[in-house]
PDB file of all heavy atoms in Angstrom:
ATOM      1  N   ILE A   1     -81.778 -14.699  -5.402  1.00  0.00           N
ATOM      2  CA  ILE A   1     -81.654 -16.140  -5.249  1.00  0.00           C
ATOM      3  C   ILE A   1     -83.063 -16.681  -5.031  1.00  0.00           C
ATOM      4  O   ILE A   1     -83.777 -16.243  -4.139  1.00  0.00           O
ATOM      5  CB  ILE A   1     -80.762 -16.519  -4.048  1.00  0.00           C
ATOM      6  CG1 ILE A   1     -79.407 -15.804  -4.128  1.00  0.00           C
ATOM      7  CG2 ILE A   1     -80.617 -18.028  -3.951  1.00  0.00           C
ATOM      8  CD1 ILE A   1     -78.623 -16.058  -5.390  1.00  0.00           C
ATOM      9  N   VAL A   2     -83.457 -17.629  -5.864  1.00  0.00           N
ATOM     10  CA  VAL A   2     -84.784 -18.234  -5.771  1.00  0.00           C
ATOM     11  C   VAL A   2     -84.587 -19.714  -5.470  1.00  0.00           C
ATOM     12  O   VAL A   2     -83.926 -20.422  -6.229  1.00  0.00           O
ATOM     13  CB  VAL A   2     -85.574 -18.061  -7.084  1.00  0.00           C
ATOM     14  CG1 VAL A   2     -86.917 -18.757  -6.999  1.00  0.00           C
ATOM     15  CG2 VAL A   2     -85.740 -16.593  -7.429  1.00  0.00           C
ATOM     16  N   ASP A   3     -85.144 -20.166  -4.361  1.00  0.00           N
ATOM     17  CA  ASP A   3     -85.117 -21.577  -3.997  1.00  0.00           C
ATOM     18  C   ASP A   3     -86.509 -22.148  -4.175  1.00  0.00           C
ATOM     19  O   ASP A   3     -87.477 -21.650  -3.587  1.00  0.00           O
ATOM     20  CB  ASP A   3     -84.685 -21.770  -2.542  1.00  0.00           C
ATOM     21  CG  ASP A   3     -83.211 -21.533  -2.330  1.00  0.00           C
ATOM     22  OD1 ASP A   3     -82.444 -21.637  -3.310  1.00  0.00           O
ATOM     23  OD2 ASP A   3     -82.821 -21.248  -1.184  1.00  0.00           O
ATOM     24  N   LEU A   4     -86.622 -23.175  -4.991  1.00  0.00           N
ATOM     25  CA  LEU A   4     -87.887 -23.837  -5.245  1.00  0.00           C
ATOM     26  C   LEU A   4     -87.808 -25.256  -4.697  1.00  0.00           C
ATOM     27  O   LEU A   4     -86.891 -25.997  -5.033  1.00  0.00           O
ATOM     28  CB  LEU A   4     -88.180 -23.872  -6.747  1.00  0.00           C
ATOM     29  CG  LEU A   4     -88.195 -22.520  -7.460  1.00  0.00           C
ATOM     30  CD1 LEU A   4     -88.247 -22.710  -8.970  1.00  0.00           C
ATOM     31  CD2 LEU A   4     -89.360 -21.685  -6.978  1.00  0.00           C
ATOM     32  N   MET A   5     -88.753 -25.602  -3.839  1.00  0.00           N
ATOM     33  CA  MET A   5     -88.804 -26.943  -3.267  1.00  0.00           C
ATOM     34  C   MET A   5     -90.003 -27.677  -3.855  1.00  0.00           C
ATOM     35  O   MET A   5     -91.041 -27.077  -4.084  1.00  0.00           O
ATOM     36  CB  MET A   5     -88.962 -26.885  -1.748  1.00  0.00           C
ATOM     37  CG  MET A   5     -87.802 -26.264  -1.006  1.00  0.00           C
ATOM     38  SD  MET A   5     -86.321 -27.268  -1.002  1.00  0.00           S
ATOM     39  CE  MET A   5     -86.843 -28.706  -0.116  1.00  0.00           C
ATOM     40  N   ALA A   6     -89.824 -28.962  -4.086  1.00  0.00           N
ATOM     41  CA  ALA A   6     -90.913 -29.792  -4.593  1.00  0.00           C
ATOM     42  C   ALA A   6     -90.745 -31.203  -4.063  1.00  0.00           C
ATOM     43  O   ALA A   6     -89.629 -31.622  -3.750  1.00  0.00           O
ATOM     44  CB  ALA A   6     -90.888 -29.800  -6.122  1.00  0.00           C
ATOM     45  N   PRO A   7     -91.852 -31.943  -3.967  1.00  0.00           N
ATOM     46  CA  PRO A   7     -91.719 -33.350  -3.612  1.00  0.00           C
ATOM     47  C   PRO A   7     -90.825 -34.044  -4.643  1.00  0.00           C
ATOM     48  O   PRO A   7     -90.868 -33.703  -5.835  1.00  0.00           O
ATOM     49  CB  PRO A   7     -93.150 -33.883  -3.697  1.00  0.00           C
ATOM     50  CG  PRO A   7     -94.029 -32.682  -3.593  1.00  0.00           C
ATOM     51  CD  PRO A   7     -93.242 -31.546  -4.179  1.00  0.00           C
ATOM     52  N   LEU A   8     -90.027 -34.969  -4.197  1.00  0.00           N
ATOM     53  CA  LEU A   8     -89.061 -35.623  -5.070  1.00  0.00           C
ATOM     54  C   LEU A   8     -89.722 -36.229  -6.304  1.00  0.00           C
ATOM     55  O   LEU A   8     -89.190 -36.158  -7.401  1.00  0.00           O
ATOM     56  CB  LEU A   8     -88.296 -36.696  -4.294  1.00  0.00           C
ATOM     57  CG  LEU A   8     -87.098 -37.312  -4.991  1.00  0.00           C
ATOM     58  CD1 LEU A   8     -86.077 -36.255  -5.380  1.00  0.00           C
ATOM     59  CD2 LEU A   8     -86.464 -38.363  -4.102  1.00  0.00           C
ATOM     60  N   GLY A   9     -90.917 -36.774  -6.155  1.00  0.00           N
ATOM     61  CA  GLY A   9     -91.582 -37.438  -7.263  1.00  0.00           C
ATOM     62  C   GLY A   9     -92.305 -36.520  -8.234  1.00  0.00           C
ATOM     63  O   GLY A   9     -92.848 -36.986  -9.231  1.00  0.00           O
ATOM     64  N   LEU A  10     -92.328 -35.214  -7.987  1.00  0.00           N
ATOM     65  CA  LEU A  10     -93.063 -34.306  -8.869  1.00  0.00           C
ATOM     66  C   LEU A  10     -92.516 -34.341 -10.286  1.00  0.00           C
ATOM     67  O   LEU A  10     -93.263 -34.280 -11.254  1.00  0.00           O
ATOM     68  CB  LEU A  10     -93.028 -32.873  -8.320  1.00  0.00           C
ATOM     69  CG  LEU A  10     -93.798 -31.832  -9.122  1.00  0.00           C
ATOM     70  CD1 LEU A  10     -95.292 -32.170  -9.158  1.00  0.00           C
ATOM     71  CD2 LEU A  10     -93.599 -30.443  -8.538  1.00  0.00           C
ATOM     72  N   PHE A  11     -91.223 -34.449 -10.410  1.00  0.00           N
ATOM     73  CA  PHE A  11     -90.580 -34.570 -11.716  1.00  0.00           C
ATOM     74  C   PHE A  11     -89.947 -35.951 -11.767  1.00  0.00           C
ATOM     75  O   PHE A  11     -89.431 -36.431 -10.774  1.00  0.00           O
ATOM     76  CB  PHE A  11     -89.533 -33.475 -11.912  1.00  0.00           C
ATOM     77  CG  PHE A  11     -90.126 -32.104 -11.834  1.00  0.00           C
ATOM     78  CD1 PHE A  11     -90.070 -31.373 -10.667  1.00  0.00           C
ATOM     79  CD2 PHE A  11     -90.780 -31.556 -12.921  1.00  0.00           C
ATOM     80  CE1 PHE A  11     -90.641 -30.119 -10.579  1.00  0.00           C
ATOM     81  CE2 PHE A  11     -91.352 -30.304 -12.852  1.00  0.00           C
ATOM     82  CZ  PHE A  11     -91.285 -29.579 -11.680  1.00  0.00           C
ATOM     83  N   GLY A  12     -89.962 -36.568 -12.916  1.00  0.00           N
ATOM     84  CA  GLY A  12     -89.481 -37.942 -13.029  1.00  0.00           C
ATOM     85  C   GLY A  12     -88.037 -38.142 -12.602  1.00  0.00           C
ATOM     86  O   GLY A  12     -87.686 -39.158 -12.036  1.00  0.00           O
ATOM     87  N   ASN A  13     -87.190 -37.136 -12.849  1.00  0.00           N
ATOM     88  CA  ASN A  13     -85.778 -37.255 -12.493  1.00  0.00           C
ATOM     89  C   ASN A  13     -85.158 -35.867 -12.467  1.00  0.00           C
ATOM     90  O   ASN A  13     -85.847 -34.874 -12.732  1.00  0.00           O
ATOM     91  CB  ASN A  13     -85.041 -38.172 -13.477  1.00  0.00           C
ATOM     92  CG  ASN A  13     -85.152 -37.677 -14.908  1.00  0.00           C
ATOM     93  OD1 ASN A  13     -84.914 -36.508 -15.207  1.00  0.00           O
ATOM     94  ND2 ASN A  13     -85.534 -38.572 -15.815  1.00  0.00           N
ATOM     95  N   HIS A  14     -83.866 -35.795 -12.165  1.00  0.00           N
ATOM     96  CA  HIS A  14     -83.223 -34.490 -12.016  1.00  0.00           C
ATOM     97  C   HIS A  14     -83.180 -33.727 -13.339  1.00  0.00           C
ATOM     98  O   HIS A  14     -83.280 -32.503 -13.350  1.00  0.00           O
ATOM     99  CB  HIS A  14     -81.828 -34.629 -11.406  1.00  0.00           C
ATOM    100  CG  HIS A  14     -80.795 -35.187 -12.325  1.00  0.00           C
ATOM    101  ND1 HIS A  14     -80.735 -36.517 -12.661  1.00  0.00           N
ATOM    102  CD2 HIS A  14     -79.790 -34.579 -12.991  1.00  0.00           C
ATOM    103  CE1 HIS A  14     -79.744 -36.706 -13.502  1.00  0.00           C
ATOM    104  NE2 HIS A  14     -79.144 -35.554 -13.720  1.00  0.00           N
ATOM    105  N   LEU A  15     -83.062 -34.426 -14.460  1.00  0.00           N
ATOM    106  CA  LEU A  15     -83.045 -33.724 -15.754  1.00  0.00           C
ATOM    107  C   LEU A  15     -84.405 -33.096 -16.060  1.00  0.00           C
ATOM    108  O   LEU A  15     -84.471 -31.982 -16.576  1.00  0.00           O
ATOM    109  CB  LEU A  15     -82.622 -34.672 -16.870  1.00  0.00           C
ATOM    110  CG  LEU A  15     -81.160 -35.116 -16.827  1.00  0.00           C
ATOM    111  CD1 LEU A  15     -80.883 -36.120 -17.937  1.00  0.00           C
ATOM    112  CD2 LEU A  15     -80.215 -33.932 -16.910  1.00  0.00           C
ATOM    113  N   ALA A  16     -85.482 -33.800 -15.731  1.00  0.00           N
ATOM    114  CA  ALA A  16     -86.820 -33.241 -15.941  1.00  0.00           C
ATOM    115  C   ALA A  16     -87.018 -31.998 -15.073  1.00  0.00           C
ATOM    116  O   ALA A  16     -87.623 -31.009 -15.518  1.00  0.00           O
ATOM    117  CB  ALA A  16     -87.888 -34.288 -15.641  1.00  0.00           C
ATOM    118  N   ALA A  17     -86.511 -32.019 -13.847  1.00  0.00           N
ATOM    119  CA  ALA A  17     -86.622 -30.853 -12.969  1.00  0.00           C
ATOM    120  C   ALA A  17     -85.789 -29.694 -13.513  1.00  0.00           C
ATOM    121  O   ALA A  17     -86.242 -28.544 -13.515  1.00  0.00           O
ATOM    122  CB  ALA A  17     -86.184 -31.209 -11.548  1.00  0.00           C
ATOM    123  N   PHE A  18     -84.567 -29.981 -13.960  1.00  0.00           N
ATOM    124  CA  PHE A  18     -83.741 -28.940 -14.579  1.00  0.00           C
ATOM    125  C   PHE A  18     -84.442 -28.348 -15.798  1.00  0.00           C
ATOM    126  O   PHE A  18     -84.490 -27.128 -15.976  1.00  0.00           O
ATOM    127  CB  PHE A  18     -82.388 -29.506 -15.030  1.00  0.00           C
ATOM    128  CG  PHE A  18     -81.273 -29.347 -14.035  1.00  0.00           C
ATOM    129  CD1 PHE A  18     -80.449 -30.425 -13.744  1.00  0.00           C
ATOM    130  CD2 PHE A  18     -81.001 -28.142 -13.411  1.00  0.00           C
ATOM    131  CE1 PHE A  18     -79.398 -30.309 -12.853  1.00  0.00           C
ATOM    132  CE2 PHE A  18     -79.954 -28.004 -12.520  1.00  0.00           C
ATOM    133  CZ  PHE A  18     -79.152 -29.092 -12.239  1.00  0.00           C
ATOM    134  N   ASP A  19     -84.980 -29.218 -16.662  1.00  0.00           N
ATOM    135  CA  ASP A  19     -85.674 -28.744 -17.867  1.00  0.00           C
ATOM    136  C   ASP A  19     -86.837 -27.827 -17.508  1.00  0.00           C
ATOM    137  O   ASP A  19     -86.982 -26.742 -18.078  1.00  0.00           O
ATOM    138  CB  ASP A  19     -86.200 -29.926 -18.699  1.00  0.00           C
ATOM    139  CG  ASP A  19     -85.107 -30.711 -19.391  1.00  0.00           C
ATOM    140  OD1 ASP A  19     -83.979 -30.199 -19.550  1.00  0.00           O
ATOM    141  OD2 ASP A  19     -85.394 -31.873 -19.780  1.00  0.00           O
ATOM    142  N   ALA A  20     -87.661 -28.257 -16.567  1.00  0.00           N
ATOM    143  CA  ALA A  20     -88.831 -27.463 -16.169  1.00  0.00           C
ATOM    144  C   ALA A  20     -88.401 -26.126 -15.569  1.00  0.00           C
ATOM    145  O   ALA A  20     -88.959 -25.079 -15.899  1.00  0.00           O
ATOM    146  CB  ALA A  20     -89.686 -28.250 -15.177  1.00  0.00           C
ATOM    147  N   GLY A  21     -87.414 -26.163 -14.686  1.00  0.00           N
ATOM    148  CA  GLY A  21     -86.953 -24.932 -14.055  1.00  0.00           C
ATOM    149  C   GLY A  21     -86.341 -23.964 -15.053  1.00  0.00           C
ATOM    150  O   GLY A  21     -86.646 -22.774 -15.051  1.00  0.00           O
ATOM    151  N   ALA A  22     -85.482 -24.467 -15.921  1.00  0.00           N
ATOM    152  CA  ALA A  22     -84.817 -23.602 -16.902  1.00  0.00           C
ATOM    153  C   ALA A  22     -85.834 -22.973 -17.856  1.00  0.00           C
ATOM    154  O   ALA A  22     -85.765 -21.780 -18.150  1.00  0.00           O
ATOM    155  CB  ALA A  22     -83.770 -24.396 -17.681  1.00  0.00           C
ATOM    156  N   ARG A  23     -86.780 -23.770 -18.337  1.00  0.00           N
ATOM    157  CA  ARG A  23     -87.814 -23.228 -19.238  1.00  0.00           C
ATOM    158  C   ARG A  23     -88.649 -22.166 -18.534  1.00  0.00           C
ATOM    159  O   ARG A  23     -89.003 -21.152 -19.125  1.00  0.00           O
ATOM    160  CB  ARG A  23     -88.712 -24.346 -19.755  1.00  0.00           C
ATOM    161  CG  ARG A  23     -88.076 -25.209 -20.822  1.00  0.00           C
ATOM    162  CD  ARG A  23     -89.098 -26.107 -21.515  1.00  0.00           C
ATOM    163  NE  ARG A  23     -90.048 -26.754 -20.608  1.00  0.00           N
ATOM    164  CZ  ARG A  23     -89.871 -27.959 -20.064  1.00  0.00           C
ATOM    165  NH1 ARG A  23     -88.787 -28.661 -20.324  1.00  0.00           N
ATOM    166  NH2 ARG A  23     -90.789 -28.458 -19.258  1.00  0.00           N
ATOM    167  N   CYS A  24     -88.939 -22.403 -17.273  1.00  0.00           N
ATOM    168  CA  CYS A  24     -89.730 -21.451 -16.504  1.00  0.00           C
ATOM    169  C   CYS A  24     -88.997 -20.110 -16.369  1.00  0.00           C
ATOM    170  O   CYS A  24     -89.567 -19.050 -16.646  1.00  0.00           O
ATOM    171  CB  CYS A  24     -90.035 -22.051 -15.143  1.00  0.00           C
ATOM    172  SG  CYS A  24     -91.075 -21.027 -14.102  1.00  0.00           S
ATOM    173  N   PHE A  25     -87.727 -20.147 -15.976  1.00  0.00           N
ATOM    174  CA  PHE A  25     -86.958 -18.910 -15.845  1.00  0.00           C
ATOM    175  C   PHE A  25     -86.784 -18.229 -17.203  1.00  0.00           C
ATOM    176  O   PHE A  25     -86.885 -17.012 -17.312  1.00  0.00           O
ATOM    177  CB  PHE A  25     -85.601 -19.165 -15.182  1.00  0.00           C
ATOM    178  CG  PHE A  25     -85.702 -19.358 -13.701  1.00  0.00           C
ATOM    179  CD1 PHE A  25     -85.630 -20.624 -13.143  1.00  0.00           C
ATOM    180  CD2 PHE A  25     -85.903 -18.281 -12.859  1.00  0.00           C
ATOM    181  CE1 PHE A  25     -85.751 -20.811 -11.775  1.00  0.00           C
ATOM    182  CE2 PHE A  25     -86.024 -18.445 -11.492  1.00  0.00           C
ATOM    183  CZ  PHE A  25     -85.952 -19.717 -10.952  1.00  0.00           C
ATOM    184  N   ARG A  26     -86.542 -19.018 -18.241  1.00  0.00           N
ATOM    185  CA  ARG A  26     -86.434 -18.456 -19.594  1.00  0.00           C
ATOM    186  C   ARG A  26     -87.718 -17.713 -19.970  1.00  0.00           C
ATOM    187  O   ARG A  26     -87.676 -16.581 -20.446  1.00  0.00           O
ATOM    188  CB  ARG A  26     -86.173 -19.580 -20.605  1.00  0.00           C
ATOM    189  CG  ARG A  26     -86.132 -19.091 -22.057  1.00  0.00           C
ATOM    190  CD  ARG A  26     -86.454 -20.169 -23.054  1.00  0.00           C
ATOM    191  NE  ARG A  26     -87.800 -20.701 -22.860  1.00  0.00           N
ATOM    192  CZ  ARG A  26     -88.187 -21.905 -23.275  1.00  0.00           C
ATOM    193  NH1 ARG A  26     -87.335 -22.709 -23.878  1.00  0.00           N
ATOM    194  NH2 ARG A  26     -89.420 -22.315 -23.060  1.00  0.00           N
TER     195      ARG A  26
END
């Protein structure tokens, strides 16, 4: 289980955060 925390404004919205996280794990 990997928990990644970031300031809310680091990614423009929840979809951008999902996209970045998924691409990173991929």
